[in-house]
Amino acid sequence: MNAKNLSLPALLAGSVIMSGAFAADIDAKAAEALMKRSNCNKCHAIEGKKDGPPYKETAAKLKGKPDAEKQLLVHLTTNPKIKVDGKEELHDNLKTKNEAEILNVVRWILAR
C-alpha cells in the first residue's frame, strides 16, 4: 500500500485493520525528527512532565480505545485549544501536511 497516495481517512481505516502490526511499521527516526522540527519537545517528553503530558501518559490514556489514532491525529492537526499554566492557547500542528508522516508520529506516540 502506498500511503502517500491515500487520504488520511483511508489511512485511518486501514490502521484499524492493521493496529496489532503497526509497531513494526513505525519509522522512529522520522517521527522523532518531525517532532523535533515541530518543536514538540518544548512541551512534551517521553516520560517526564513538562507543560504538556508525557508521551507515555498519552499512550496509556488512549490504550485500548478503538479511535485512539483518530483522537491523537485530530489533536496534532487541528490546533485545538489547550490549557497551559491555567491559560488557554492553541496547540501547534505538526510541521507537515504529509499524511503518512503524521500517522507515523501518531503511531510512535501510541507505541510508548
Protein backbone atom coordinates (compact mmCIF):
# COMPACT_ATOMS: atom_id res chain seq x y z
CA MET A 1 0.00 0.00 0.00
CA ASN A 2 1.45 3.38 -0.97
CA ALA A 3 0.47 5.64 1.94
CA LYS A 4 1.49 8.82 0.08
CA ASN A 5 -1.41 8.36 -2.34
CA LEU A 6 -4.10 7.77 0.28
CA SER A 7 -6.20 10.27 2.16
CA LEU A 8 -5.93 10.42 5.93
CA PRO A 9 -9.37 8.81 6.43
CA ALA A 10 -8.27 5.93 4.22
CA LEU A 11 -5.06 5.56 6.21
CA LEU A 12 -7.02 5.50 9.45
CA ALA A 13 -9.50 2.96 8.10
CA GLY A 14 -6.59 0.72 7.18
CA SER A 15 -4.97 1.27 10.57
CA VAL A 16 -7.93 -0.30 12.34
CA ILE A 17 -7.30 -3.48 10.40
CA MET A 18 -3.54 -3.39 10.95
CA SER A 19 -3.50 -1.98 14.50
CA GLY A 20 -1.76 -5.00 16.02
CA ALA A 21 1.03 -4.91 13.48
CA PHE A 22 1.73 -1.19 13.22
CA ALA A 23 4.54 -1.03 15.79
CA ALA A 24 6.91 -2.69 13.34
CA ASP A 25 5.95 -0.15 10.68
CA ILE A 26 6.94 2.91 12.73
CA ASP A 27 9.92 4.88 11.47
CA ALA A 28 11.12 6.13 14.85
CA LYS A 29 13.89 8.32 13.44
CA ALA A 30 11.50 10.06 11.06
CA ALA A 31 8.88 10.54 13.80
CA GLU A 32 11.43 11.97 16.21
CA ALA A 33 12.87 14.27 13.52
CA LEU A 34 9.42 15.64 12.63
CA MET A 35 8.56 16.13 16.28
CA LYS A 36 11.85 17.97 16.81
CA ARG A 37 11.20 20.13 13.72
CA SER A 38 7.67 20.80 15.03
CA ASN A 39 9.09 21.83 18.43
CA CYS A 40 7.03 19.18 20.29
CA ASN A 41 9.87 18.62 22.76
CA LYS A 42 9.41 22.14 24.11
CA CYS A 43 6.27 20.99 25.98
CA HIS A 44 6.42 17.16 25.87
CA ALA A 45 8.87 14.41 26.84
CA ILE A 46 8.66 10.64 26.67
CA GLU A 47 8.31 10.18 30.43
CA GLY A 48 8.90 13.42 32.30
CA LYS A 49 6.23 16.05 32.82
CA LYS A 50 6.71 19.42 31.13
CA ASP A 51 3.96 21.91 30.20
CA GLY A 52 2.24 19.10 28.29
CA PRO A 53 1.73 15.46 29.23
CA PRO A 54 4.49 12.94 28.55
CA TYR A 55 4.02 10.67 25.54
CA LYS A 56 3.81 7.60 27.81
CA GLU A 57 0.88 9.18 29.66
CA THR A 58 -0.89 9.99 26.40
CA ALA A 59 -0.35 6.44 25.14
CA ALA A 60 -1.65 4.96 28.41
CA LYS A 61 -4.72 7.21 28.36
CA LEU A 62 -5.60 6.14 24.81
CA LYS A 63 -4.61 2.46 25.14
CA GLY A 64 -7.36 0.09 24.07
CA LYS A 65 -9.57 2.81 22.63
CA PRO A 66 -10.68 1.92 19.09
CA ASP A 67 -10.39 5.55 17.99
CA ALA A 68 -7.03 6.26 19.68
CA GLU A 69 -5.23 7.05 16.41
CA LYS A 70 -8.05 9.29 15.25
CA GLN A 71 -8.15 11.21 18.55
CA LEU A 72 -4.42 11.87 18.51
CA LEU A 73 -4.41 12.66 14.81
CA VAL A 74 -7.13 15.30 15.31
CA HIS A 75 -5.19 16.76 18.24
CA LEU A 76 -1.99 17.06 16.19
CA THR A 77 -3.60 18.57 13.08
CA THR A 78 -6.42 20.91 14.13
CA ASN A 79 -4.84 23.43 16.55
CA PRO A 80 -7.14 22.57 19.49
CA LYS A 81 -7.34 24.87 22.50
CA ILE A 82 -5.33 23.60 25.45
CA LYS A 83 -4.59 24.93 28.93
CA VAL A 84 -1.02 25.71 29.93
CA ASP A 85 -0.48 27.15 33.38
CA GLY A 86 -4.19 27.97 33.56
CA LYS A 87 -4.16 29.93 30.30
CA GLU A 88 -5.83 28.80 27.08
CA GLU A 89 -3.68 28.65 23.97
CA LEU A 90 -3.72 26.84 20.65
CA HIS A 91 -1.76 23.59 20.36
CA ASP A 92 0.61 23.75 17.39
CA ASN A 93 0.18 21.37 14.46
CA LEU A 94 2.91 19.08 13.23
CA LYS A 95 5.05 20.88 10.65
CA THR A 96 3.97 18.73 7.71
CA LYS A 97 0.96 18.11 5.52
CA ASN A 98 2.20 14.63 4.58
CA GLU A 99 -0.43 12.24 5.90
CA ALA A 100 1.93 9.27 6.16
CA GLU A 101 4.38 11.33 8.24
CA ILE A 102 1.57 12.46 10.56
CA LEU A 103 0.30 8.90 11.00
CA ASN A 104 3.86 7.75 11.72
CA VAL A 105 4.12 10.28 14.59
CA VAL A 106 0.70 9.27 15.92
CA ARG A 107 1.76 5.62 15.95
CA TRP A 108 5.15 6.48 17.50
CA ILE A 109 3.39 8.25 20.40
CA LEU A 110 0.87 5.43 20.89
CA ALA A 111 3.70 2.85 20.99
CA ARG A 112 5.32 4.47 24.04
